[in-house]
Amino acid sequence: MENILVAGANGTTGKKVVQLLKKSQYFNPVAMVRKKEQLAQFENDGIDTVLGDLEEDITHTVANIDKVIFAAGSGGEKVVAVDQEGAKRLIDASRNANVKRFVMLSSMGADNTETTEDLKEYLQAKHNADEYLKSTDLNYMIVRPGSLTNDTGTGKISLKRHFEKHGSITRDDVAQTLVHALHEDAGTNETFEILEGDTLIGKALDSVS
């Protein structure tokens, strides 16, 4: 089984990713959290953990890690420090550790930051992190969902490299897409957007591979 570091494991989407990985026959999740008091919930569930702050040195977090899912976010409080520079820090650590794949949870609008003034700083930070990842020699997948909802997932999405419309998607289906994107047959060095839809997630990812 491959060890998958989940940055942002304590977040709403991150927790869903960790649980999906735990149930997988291919992957072993390693939950990366920022605070010691966040460790117990994962350790009590038999999940490997590592303490790491994206604003500090995180070289140790990628030891014995095969692939990475970056699902961390500052919640709008430290978008440059966490969503941008924290992502870059983990990208650099992953390169140095010869991580085999880096799956980035980004956002729709990250390639057009002028569209929404209230989210401009956040989208610019996501854009900068995405571009930095693309500039490296890492094998990557960049997943850009629409607005996240807490509805129950359907296991189905709509996927395009770029939508002309905005929309929403459940966190369940985003988490499933991130896990699917770990597989080599899902494509390599791809950036795509996802919304709620009618295509099974695995089949949707086949369209970009």
C-alpha atoms as a PDB file:
ATOM      1  CA  MET A   1       0.000   0.000   0.000  1.00  0.00           C
ATOM      2  CA  GLU A   2       1.135   3.510  -0.746  1.00  0.00           C
ATOM      3  CA  ASN A   3       1.478   6.051   2.058  1.00  0.00           C
ATOM      4  CA  ILE A   4      -0.584   9.160   1.281  1.00  0.00           C
ATOM      5  CA  LEU A   5       0.111  12.365   3.189  1.00  0.00           C
ATOM      6  CA  VAL A   6      -3.084  14.392   3.608  1.00  0.00           C
ATOM      7  CA  ALA A   7      -2.266  18.028   4.331  1.00  0.00           C
ATOM      8  CA  GLY A   8      -5.271  19.663   5.915  1.00  0.00           C
ATOM      9  CA  ALA A   9      -6.511  16.358   7.341  1.00  0.00           C
ATOM     10  CA  ASN A  10      -8.412  18.146  10.098  1.00  0.00           C
ATOM     11  CA  GLY A  11     -10.479  20.188   7.627  1.00  0.00           C
ATOM     12  CA  THR A  12     -13.998  19.251   6.566  1.00  0.00           C
ATOM     13  CA  THR A  13     -12.900  17.900   3.171  1.00  0.00           C
ATOM     14  CA  GLY A  14      -9.600  16.559   4.534  1.00  0.00           C
ATOM     15  CA  LYS A  15     -11.381  14.334   7.042  1.00  0.00           C
ATOM     16  CA  LYS A  16     -13.472  12.849   4.242  1.00  0.00           C
ATOM     17  CA  VAL A  17     -10.302  12.180   2.219  1.00  0.00           C
ATOM     18  CA  VAL A  18      -8.660  10.420   5.166  1.00  0.00           C
ATOM     19  CA  GLN A  19     -11.676   8.149   5.705  1.00  0.00           C
ATOM     20  CA  LEU A  20     -11.820   7.221   2.012  1.00  0.00           C
ATOM     21  CA  LEU A  21      -8.121   6.370   2.037  1.00  0.00           C
ATOM     22  CA  LYS A  22      -8.566   4.296   5.186  1.00  0.00           C
ATOM     23  CA  LYS A  23     -11.173   2.165   3.408  1.00  0.00           C
ATOM     24  CA  SER A  24      -9.000   1.810   0.290  1.00  0.00           C
ATOM     25  CA  GLN A  25      -7.108  -1.352  -0.566  1.00  0.00           C
ATOM     26  CA  TYR A  26      -4.390   0.694  -2.273  1.00  0.00           C
ATOM     27  CA  PHE A  27      -3.603   3.562   0.095  1.00  0.00           C
ATOM     28  CA  ASN A  28      -2.636   4.178   3.713  1.00  0.00           C
ATOM     29  CA  PRO A  29      -3.494   7.687   4.930  1.00  0.00           C
ATOM     30  CA  VAL A  30      -1.076   9.767   6.970  1.00  0.00           C
ATOM     31  CA  ALA A  31      -3.025  12.638   8.511  1.00  0.00           C
ATOM     32  CA  MET A  32      -0.994  15.842   8.725  1.00  0.00           C
ATOM     33  CA  VAL A  33      -2.324  18.239  11.353  1.00  0.00           C
ATOM     34  CA  ARG A  34      -1.054  21.495  12.809  1.00  0.00           C
ATOM     35  CA  LYS A  35      -1.906  21.102  16.508  1.00  0.00           C
ATOM     36  CA  LYS A  36      -1.090  18.298  18.946  1.00  0.00           C
ATOM     37  CA  GLU A  37      -4.682  18.217  20.215  1.00  0.00           C
ATOM     38  CA  GLN A  38      -5.812  17.293  16.686  1.00  0.00           C
ATOM     39  CA  LEU A  39      -3.775  14.077  16.633  1.00  0.00           C
ATOM     40  CA  ALA A  40      -5.894  11.957  18.976  1.00  0.00           C
ATOM     41  CA  GLN A  41      -9.018  11.811  16.792  1.00  0.00           C
ATOM     42  CA  PHE A  42      -7.004  10.131  14.043  1.00  0.00           C
ATOM     43  CA  GLU A  43      -4.759   7.996  16.249  1.00  0.00           C
ATOM     44  CA  ASN A  44      -7.815   6.646  18.096  1.00  0.00           C
ATOM     45  CA  ASP A  45      -9.126   5.528  14.705  1.00  0.00           C
ATOM     46  CA  GLY A  46      -5.896   3.696  13.900  1.00  0.00           C
ATOM     47  CA  ILE A  47      -4.753   6.310  11.377  1.00  0.00           C
ATOM     48  CA  ASP A  48      -1.099   7.311  11.062  1.00  0.00           C
ATOM     49  CA  THR A  49      -0.441  10.957  11.880  1.00  0.00           C
ATOM     50  CA  VAL A  50       2.273  13.574  11.573  1.00  0.00           C
ATOM     51  CA  LEU A  51       2.489  17.019  13.124  1.00  0.00           C
ATOM     52  CA  GLY A  52       3.293  19.770  10.638  1.00  0.00           C
ATOM     53  CA  ASP A  53       2.693  23.508  10.346  1.00  0.00           C
ATOM     54  CA  LEU A  54       2.623  24.807   6.775  1.00  0.00           C
ATOM     55  CA  GLU A  55       4.102  28.098   7.980  1.00  0.00           C
ATOM     56  CA  GLU A  56       7.205  26.308   9.256  1.00  0.00           C
ATOM     57  CA  ASP A  57       9.671  23.643   8.127  1.00  0.00           C
ATOM     58  CA  ILE A  58       7.719  20.543   7.098  1.00  0.00           C
ATOM     59  CA  THR A  59      10.498  18.477   5.558  1.00  0.00           C
ATOM     60  CA  HIS A  60       9.869  15.686   8.086  1.00  0.00           C
ATOM     61  CA  THR A  61       6.242  15.247   7.034  1.00  0.00           C
ATOM     62  CA  VAL A  62       7.087  13.597   3.707  1.00  0.00           C
ATOM     63  CA  ALA A  63       9.432  10.924   5.094  1.00  0.00           C
ATOM     64  CA  ASN A  64       8.309   7.542   3.701  1.00  0.00           C
ATOM     65  CA  ILE A  65       5.463   9.206   1.785  1.00  0.00           C
ATOM     66  CA  ASP A  66       4.570   7.993  -1.710  1.00  0.00           C
ATOM     67  CA  LYS A  67       1.982  10.592  -2.722  1.00  0.00           C
ATOM     68  CA  VAL A  68       0.481  13.799  -1.342  1.00  0.00           C
ATOM     69  CA  ILE A  69      -3.003  15.320  -1.277  1.00  0.00           C
ATOM     70  CA  PHE A  70      -2.953  19.027  -0.461  1.00  0.00           C
ATOM     71  CA  ALA A  71      -6.374  19.808   0.998  1.00  0.00           C
ATOM     72  CA  ALA A  72      -5.237  22.461   3.460  1.00  0.00           C
ATOM     73  CA  GLY A  73      -6.684  25.939   3.663  1.00  0.00           C
ATOM     74  CA  SER A  74      -6.531  28.917   5.967  1.00  0.00           C
ATOM     75  CA  GLY A  75     -10.249  29.624   5.792  1.00  0.00           C
ATOM     76  CA  GLY A  76      -9.455  33.046   4.381  1.00  0.00           C
ATOM     77  CA  GLU A  77      -7.326  34.162   7.325  1.00  0.00           C
ATOM     78  CA  LYS A  78      -3.813  33.495   6.014  1.00  0.00           C
ATOM     79  CA  VAL A  79      -4.285  32.904   2.320  1.00  0.00           C
ATOM     80  CA  VAL A  80      -0.759  33.914   1.299  1.00  0.00           C
ATOM     81  CA  ALA A  81       0.994  32.233   4.238  1.00  0.00           C
ATOM     82  CA  VAL A  82      -0.928  28.944   4.041  1.00  0.00           C
ATOM     83  CA  ASP A  83      -2.786  28.528   0.738  1.00  0.00           C
ATOM     84  CA  GLN A  84       0.137  29.892  -1.286  1.00  0.00           C
ATOM     85  CA  GLU A  85       3.447  29.723   0.578  1.00  0.00           C
ATOM     86  CA  GLY A  86       2.451  26.691   2.649  1.00  0.00           C
ATOM     87  CA  ALA A  87       1.573  24.844  -0.533  1.00  0.00           C
ATOM     88  CA  LYS A  88       4.920  25.829  -2.066  1.00  0.00           C
ATOM     89  CA  ARG A  89       6.715  24.619   1.048  1.00  0.00           C
ATOM     90  CA  LEU A  90       5.073  21.200   0.805  1.00  0.00           C
ATOM     91  CA  ILE A  91       5.695  21.055  -2.948  1.00  0.00           C
ATOM     92  CA  ASP A  92       9.411  21.676  -2.369  1.00  0.00           C
ATOM     93  CA  ALA A  93       9.563  19.058   0.394  1.00  0.00           C
ATOM     94  CA  SER A  94       7.761  16.576  -1.863  1.00  0.00           C
ATOM     95  CA  ARG A  95      10.217  17.168  -4.705  1.00  0.00           C
ATOM     96  CA  ASN A  96      13.182  16.629  -2.420  1.00  0.00           C
ATOM     97  CA  ALA A  97      11.623  13.426  -1.077  1.00  0.00           C
ATOM     98  CA  ASN A  98      10.897  12.082  -4.586  1.00  0.00           C
ATOM     99  CA  VAL A  99       7.153  11.899  -3.953  1.00  0.00           C
ATOM    100  CA  LYS A 100       5.492  10.137  -6.895  1.00  0.00           C
ATOM    101  CA  ARG A 101       2.386  12.334  -7.225  1.00  0.00           C
ATOM    102  CA  PHE A 102       1.053  15.591  -5.804  1.00  0.00           C
ATOM    103  CA  VAL A 103      -2.715  16.122  -5.912  1.00  0.00           C
ATOM    104  CA  MET A 104      -3.674  19.758  -5.339  1.00  0.00           C
ATOM    105  CA  LEU A 105      -7.117  20.840  -4.174  1.00  0.00           C
ATOM    106  CA  SER A 106      -7.474  24.214  -5.857  1.00  0.00           C
ATOM    107  CA  SER A 107     -10.589  26.197  -6.803  1.00  0.00           C
ATOM    108  CA  MET A 108     -12.600  27.232  -9.816  1.00  0.00           C
ATOM    109  CA  GLY A 109     -11.591  30.781 -10.647  1.00  0.00           C
ATOM    110  CA  ALA A 110      -7.936  30.222  -9.839  1.00  0.00           C
ATOM    111  CA  ASP A 111      -7.117  30.882 -13.494  1.00  0.00           C
ATOM    112  CA  ASN A 112      -9.263  34.041 -13.639  1.00  0.00           C
ATOM    113  CA  THR A 113      -8.757  35.910 -10.390  1.00  0.00           C
ATOM    114  CA  GLU A 114     -10.317  39.148 -11.670  1.00  0.00           C
ATOM    115  CA  THR A 115     -13.851  37.749 -11.719  1.00  0.00           C
ATOM    116  CA  THR A 116     -14.748  37.971  -8.027  1.00  0.00           C
ATOM    117  CA  GLU A 117     -13.453  40.865  -5.967  1.00  0.00           C
ATOM    118  CA  ASP A 118     -14.288  39.356  -2.568  1.00  0.00           C
ATOM    119  CA  LEU A 119     -12.332  36.168  -3.327  1.00  0.00           C
ATOM    120  CA  LYS A 120      -9.558  37.805  -5.314  1.00  0.00           C
ATOM    121  CA  GLU A 121      -6.786  37.356  -2.724  1.00  0.00           C
ATOM    122  CA  TYR A 122      -7.737  33.730  -2.097  1.00  0.00           C
ATOM    123  CA  LEU A 123      -7.973  32.848  -5.790  1.00  0.00           C
ATOM    124  CA  GLN A 124      -4.686  34.616  -6.500  1.00  0.00           C
ATOM    125  CA  ALA A 125      -3.007  32.560  -3.786  1.00  0.00           C
ATOM    126  CA  LYS A 126      -4.449  29.348  -5.234  1.00  0.00           C
ATOM    127  CA  HIS A 127      -3.390  30.429  -8.724  1.00  0.00           C
ATOM    128  CA  ASN A 128       0.176  31.108  -7.577  1.00  0.00           C
ATOM    129  CA  ALA A 129       0.392  27.752  -5.808  1.00  0.00           C
ATOM    130  CA  ASP A 130      -0.969  25.930  -8.874  1.00  0.00           C
ATOM    131  CA  GLU A 131       1.494  27.660 -11.193  1.00  0.00           C
ATOM    132  CA  TYR A 132       4.364  26.850  -8.862  1.00  0.00           C
ATOM    133  CA  LEU A 133       3.381  23.164  -8.867  1.00  0.00           C
ATOM    134  CA  LYS A 134       3.173  23.152 -12.668  1.00  0.00           C
ATOM    135  CA  SER A 135       6.668  24.634 -12.913  1.00  0.00           C
ATOM    136  CA  THR A 136       8.230  21.703 -11.040  1.00  0.00           C
ATOM    137  CA  ASP A 137       9.134  18.227 -12.232  1.00  0.00           C
ATOM    138  CA  LEU A 138       6.578  16.661  -9.890  1.00  0.00           C
ATOM    139  CA  ASN A 139       3.871  14.417 -11.297  1.00  0.00           C
ATOM    140  CA  TYR A 140       0.748  16.420 -10.435  1.00  0.00           C
ATOM    141  CA  MET A 141      -3.033  16.656 -10.675  1.00  0.00           C
ATOM    142  CA  ILE A 142      -4.792  19.962  -9.931  1.00  0.00           C
ATOM    143  CA  VAL A 143      -8.476  19.656  -9.041  1.00  0.00           C
ATOM    144  CA  ARG A 144     -10.582  22.839  -9.152  1.00  0.00           C
ATOM    145  CA  PRO A 145     -14.091  22.378  -7.729  1.00  0.00           C
ATOM    146  CA  GLY A 146     -16.923  24.867  -7.722  1.00  0.00           C
ATOM    147  CA  SER A 147     -18.551  26.046  -4.487  1.00  0.00           C
ATOM    148  CA  LEU A 148     -18.450  23.293  -1.863  1.00  0.00           C
ATOM    149  CA  THR A 149     -21.637  22.014  -0.241  1.00  0.00           C
ATOM    150  CA  ASN A 150     -22.214  19.592   2.638  1.00  0.00           C
ATOM    151  CA  ASP A 151     -24.919  17.635   0.813  1.00  0.00           C
ATOM    152  CA  THR A 152     -24.548  13.871   0.460  1.00  0.00           C
ATOM    153  CA  GLY A 153     -22.315  12.922  -2.452  1.00  0.00           C
ATOM    154  CA  THR A 154     -23.600  11.097  -5.513  1.00  0.00           C
ATOM    155  CA  GLY A 155     -20.346   9.595  -6.770  1.00  0.00           C
ATOM    156  CA  LYS A 156     -20.979  11.474 -10.013  1.00  0.00           C
ATOM    157  CA  ILE A 157     -19.539  14.743 -11.328  1.00  0.00           C
ATOM    158  CA  SER A 158     -19.209  16.913 -14.388  1.00  0.00           C
ATOM    159  CA  LEU A 159     -15.582  17.481 -15.410  1.00  0.00           C
ATOM    160  CA  LYS A 160     -14.027  19.894 -17.889  1.00  0.00           C
ATOM    161  CA  ARG A 161     -10.695  21.612 -18.226  1.00  0.00           C
ATOM    162  CA  HIS A 162     -12.674  24.853 -18.002  1.00  0.00           C
ATOM    163  CA  PHE A 163     -16.354  25.608 -17.450  1.00  0.00           C
ATOM    164  CA  GLU A 164     -17.999  28.745 -18.780  1.00  0.00           C
ATOM    165  CA  LYS A 165     -20.383  28.677 -15.822  1.00  0.00           C
ATOM    166  CA  HIS A 166     -20.013  28.504 -12.065  1.00  0.00           C
ATOM    167  CA  GLY A 167     -21.736  25.939  -9.876  1.00  0.00           C
ATOM    168  CA  SER A 168     -21.414  23.750  -6.822  1.00  0.00           C
ATOM    169  CA  ILE A 169     -20.317  20.257  -5.832  1.00  0.00           C
ATOM    170  CA  THR A 170     -20.467  18.235  -2.627  1.00  0.00           C
ATOM    171  CA  ARG A 171     -17.412  17.830  -0.414  1.00  0.00           C
ATOM    172  CA  ASP A 172     -18.037  14.072  -0.592  1.00  0.00           C
ATOM    173  CA  ASP A 173     -17.593  14.070  -4.349  1.00  0.00           C
ATOM    174  CA  VAL A 174     -14.570  16.374  -4.180  1.00  0.00           C
ATOM    175  CA  ALA A 175     -12.913  14.020  -1.685  1.00  0.00           C
ATOM    176  CA  GLN A 176     -13.638  11.040  -3.932  1.00  0.00           C
ATOM    177  CA  THR A 177     -12.178  12.879  -6.922  1.00  0.00           C
ATOM    178  CA  LEU A 178      -8.976  13.703  -5.018  1.00  0.00           C
ATOM    179  CA  VAL A 179      -8.537  10.037  -4.062  1.00  0.00           C
ATOM    180  CA  HIS A 180      -9.250   8.873  -7.629  1.00  0.00           C
ATOM    181  CA  ALA A 181      -6.652  11.366  -8.871  1.00  0.00           C
ATOM    182  CA  LEU A 182      -3.967   9.475  -6.932  1.00  0.00           C
ATOM    183  CA  HIS A 183      -4.168   6.609  -9.425  1.00  0.00           C
ATOM    184  CA  GLU A 184      -1.692   6.728 -12.287  1.00  0.00           C
ATOM    185  CA  ASP A 185      -4.391   5.869 -14.829  1.00  0.00           C
ATOM    186  CA  ALA A 186      -6.301   9.045 -13.890  1.00  0.00           C
ATOM    187  CA  GLY A 187      -3.881  11.083 -15.979  1.00  0.00           C
ATOM    188  CA  THR A 188      -0.664  12.960 -15.381  1.00  0.00           C
ATOM    189  CA  ASN A 189       0.065  16.675 -15.072  1.00  0.00           C
ATOM    190  CA  GLU A 190      -3.568  17.650 -15.612  1.00  0.00           C
ATOM    191  CA  THR A 191      -5.614  20.616 -14.379  1.00  0.00           C
ATOM    192  CA  PHE A 192      -9.396  20.383 -14.480  1.00  0.00           C
ATOM    193  CA  GLU A 193     -12.590  21.774 -12.955  1.00  0.00           C
ATOM    194  CA  ILE A 194     -15.427  19.755 -11.430  1.00  0.00           C
ATOM    195  CA  LEU A 195     -19.084  20.436 -10.652  1.00  0.00           C
ATOM    196  CA  GLU A 196     -22.010  18.237  -9.694  1.00  0.00           C
ATOM    197  CA  GLY A 197     -22.988  16.098 -12.646  1.00  0.00           C
ATOM    198  CA  ASP A 198     -24.077  12.740 -14.029  1.00  0.00           C
ATOM    199  CA  THR A 199     -20.793  10.995 -14.858  1.00  0.00           C
ATOM    200  CA  LEU A 200     -19.227   8.470 -12.490  1.00  0.00           C
ATOM    201  CA  ILE A 201     -16.083   9.980 -10.983  1.00  0.00           C
ATOM    202  CA  GLY A 202     -13.761   7.285 -12.312  1.00  0.00           C
ATOM    203  CA  LYS A 203     -15.194   7.582 -15.802  1.00  0.00           C
ATOM    204  CA  ALA A 204     -14.987  11.390 -15.693  1.00  0.00           C
ATOM    205  CA  LEU A 205     -11.293  11.172 -14.843  1.00  0.00           C
ATOM    206  CA  ASP A 206     -10.760   8.766 -17.747  1.00  0.00           C
ATOM    207  CA  SER A 207     -11.603  11.709 -20.014  1.00  0.00           C
ATOM    208  CA  VAL A 208      -8.472  13.627 -18.970  1.00  0.00           C
ATOM    209  CA  SER A 209      -6.070  10.675 -18.918  1.00  0.00           C
END
